[in-house]
Amino acid sequence: YSKRFDVKLYSEKLKISGVIDMIIENKNDAIPVDFKTNEPINYTAYILQLYSYSLLLEDVLGKSSSYGFILFTSTKKLTRIEYDYEIKDLFQKIYLEIVDIIKSERFPEPSFLHCDGCEYLNFCGDIK
């Protein structure tokens, strides 16, 4: 197997891009590893990001990517994430909402459901 770090990928088909912290790769599989500094109360956003990386790897590299890992750098905790139907369905729902927002050229309504794990909380605090 091999490891690659900070891999930038773009899928023309999916119209998504990302910078994957680390990919563990062999002949048939490509597994994303996402580095995070803090453990959130709710893992859903992290899992959705990891799943999007797996979709990128499958589309761009043509390799299987049925699970991924999140490494919490502050605690050195490594968590294997299996993608279940709930995550896949939620990703599809959010993906279609984003596509609709882009096509209609409108701003999304503010949502404060995931503020505890959001990297942009300091920037949007003024609209709460």
Protein backbone atom coordinates (compact mmCIF):
# COMPACT_ATOMS: atom_id res chain seq x y z
CA TYR A 1 0.00 0.00 0.00
CA SER A 2 1.00 3.64 -0.28
CA LYS A 3 0.11 6.89 1.47
CA ARG A 4 -0.36 10.30 -0.13
CA PHE A 5 -0.91 13.55 1.74
CA ASP A 6 -2.87 16.74 0.92
CA VAL A 7 -4.34 15.35 -2.27
CA LYS A 8 -6.45 17.85 -4.24
CA LEU A 9 -9.23 16.25 -6.28
CA TYR A 10 -12.08 17.51 -8.44
CA SER A 11 -14.87 15.47 -9.98
CA GLU A 12 -16.35 16.93 -13.13
CA LYS A 13 -19.20 14.42 -12.90
CA LEU A 14 -20.12 15.22 -9.28
CA LYS A 15 -19.06 18.88 -9.40
CA ILE A 16 -17.33 18.56 -6.04
CA SER A 17 -13.76 19.06 -4.95
CA GLY A 18 -11.72 18.54 -1.86
CA VAL A 19 -8.29 18.35 -0.32
CA ILE A 20 -7.92 14.98 1.34
CA ASP A 21 -5.47 15.00 4.23
CA MET A 22 -4.25 11.47 3.54
CA ILE A 23 -5.13 8.63 1.18
CA ILE A 24 -4.19 5.05 1.93
CA GLU A 25 -4.12 3.31 -1.42
CA ASN A 26 -3.56 -0.12 -2.89
CA LYS A 27 -4.32 -1.59 -6.29
CA ASN A 28 -8.10 -1.71 -5.78
CA ASP A 29 -8.93 0.61 -2.87
CA ALA A 30 -8.40 4.22 -1.85
CA ILE A 31 -9.27 5.07 1.73
CA PRO A 32 -9.53 8.71 2.87
CA VAL A 33 -8.15 9.80 6.24
CA ASP A 34 -9.31 13.19 7.51
CA PHE A 35 -7.32 14.91 10.26
CA LYS A 36 -9.33 16.87 12.83
CA THR A 37 -8.11 18.74 15.87
CA ASN A 38 -11.20 18.43 18.07
CA GLU A 39 -13.89 15.84 18.59
CA PRO A 40 -17.33 17.37 18.03
CA ILE A 41 -20.50 16.60 19.96
CA ASN A 42 -22.08 15.54 16.67
CA TYR A 43 -19.95 13.62 14.15
CA THR A 44 -22.42 13.95 11.25
CA ALA A 45 -20.69 16.85 9.45
CA TYR A 46 -17.31 15.11 9.70
CA ILE A 47 -18.76 11.86 8.37
CA LEU A 48 -20.48 13.64 5.47
CA GLN A 49 -17.18 15.30 4.54
CA LEU A 50 -15.37 11.96 4.69
CA TYR A 51 -18.07 10.32 2.56
CA SER A 52 -17.73 13.06 -0.05
CA TYR A 53 -14.00 12.29 -0.17
CA SER A 54 -14.79 8.63 -0.79
CA LEU A 55 -17.09 9.59 -3.66
CA LEU A 56 -14.31 11.73 -5.11
CA LEU A 57 -11.83 8.86 -4.85
CA GLU A 58 -14.21 6.43 -6.52
CA ASP A 59 -14.97 8.83 -9.37
CA VAL A 60 -11.51 10.29 -9.99
CA LEU A 61 -9.32 7.27 -9.24
CA GLY A 62 -11.83 4.55 -10.10
CA LYS A 63 -11.08 2.70 -6.86
CA SER A 64 -13.35 1.32 -4.16
CA SER A 65 -13.74 3.55 -1.11
CA SER A 66 -16.42 2.04 1.14
CA TYR A 67 -15.11 3.45 4.42
CA GLY A 68 -12.72 6.06 5.77
CA PHE A 69 -10.91 7.19 8.89
CA ILE A 70 -10.98 10.30 11.05
CA LEU A 71 -7.81 10.96 13.04
CA PHE A 72 -8.17 13.35 15.96
CA THR A 73 -4.71 14.85 16.17
CA SER A 74 -5.01 16.20 19.71
CA THR A 75 -5.78 12.78 21.20
CA LYS A 76 -4.29 10.51 18.49
CA LYS A 77 -7.66 8.75 18.34
CA LEU A 78 -8.33 6.99 15.02
CA THR A 79 -11.97 6.24 14.19
CA ARG A 80 -13.03 4.00 11.32
CA ILE A 81 -16.20 5.24 9.64
CA GLU A 82 -18.45 2.87 7.72
CA TYR A 83 -20.96 4.59 5.45
CA ASP A 84 -24.48 3.41 6.16
CA TYR A 85 -27.66 4.14 4.22
CA GLU A 86 -28.55 6.98 6.59
CA ILE A 87 -25.32 8.86 5.78
CA LYS A 88 -25.64 8.16 2.05
CA ASP A 89 -29.26 9.39 2.02
CA LEU A 90 -28.41 12.50 4.05
CA PHE A 91 -25.49 13.30 1.73
CA GLN A 92 -27.75 12.95 -1.33
CA LYS A 93 -30.39 15.22 0.23
CA ILE A 94 -27.85 17.92 1.13
CA TYR A 95 -26.07 17.59 -2.23
CA LEU A 96 -29.34 18.13 -4.13
CA GLU A 97 -30.19 21.14 -1.93
CA ILE A 98 -26.79 22.69 -2.69
CA VAL A 99 -27.21 22.07 -6.42
CA ASP A 100 -30.63 23.78 -6.26
CA ILE A 101 -29.17 26.77 -4.36
CA ILE A 102 -26.43 27.15 -6.97
CA LYS A 103 -28.80 26.84 -9.93
CA SER A 104 -31.29 29.31 -8.45
CA GLU A 105 -28.45 31.70 -7.45
CA ARG A 106 -29.87 32.31 -4.00
CA PHE A 107 -28.36 32.35 -0.54
CA PRO A 108 -29.36 29.47 1.72
CA GLU A 109 -31.32 30.15 4.86
CA PRO A 110 -29.08 30.28 7.94
CA SER A 111 -29.00 27.02 9.87
CA PHE A 112 -27.61 26.82 13.35
CA LEU A 113 -28.05 23.08 13.84
CA HIS A 114 -24.36 22.24 13.63
CA CYS A 115 -22.71 25.31 15.13
CA ASP A 116 -20.83 23.30 17.74
CA GLY A 117 -18.62 21.67 15.10
CA CYS A 118 -18.51 24.45 12.52
CA GLU A 119 -15.18 25.93 11.51
CA TYR A 120 -16.86 29.22 10.51
CA LEU A 121 -18.69 29.93 13.77
CA ASN A 122 -16.50 32.97 14.48
CA PHE A 123 -17.42 34.48 11.10
CA CYS A 124 -21.18 34.11 11.27
CA GLY A 125 -21.75 34.88 14.94
CA ASP A 126 -23.08 38.30 14.06
CA ILE A 127 -26.16 36.89 12.30
CA LYS A 128 -27.34 34.71 15.19
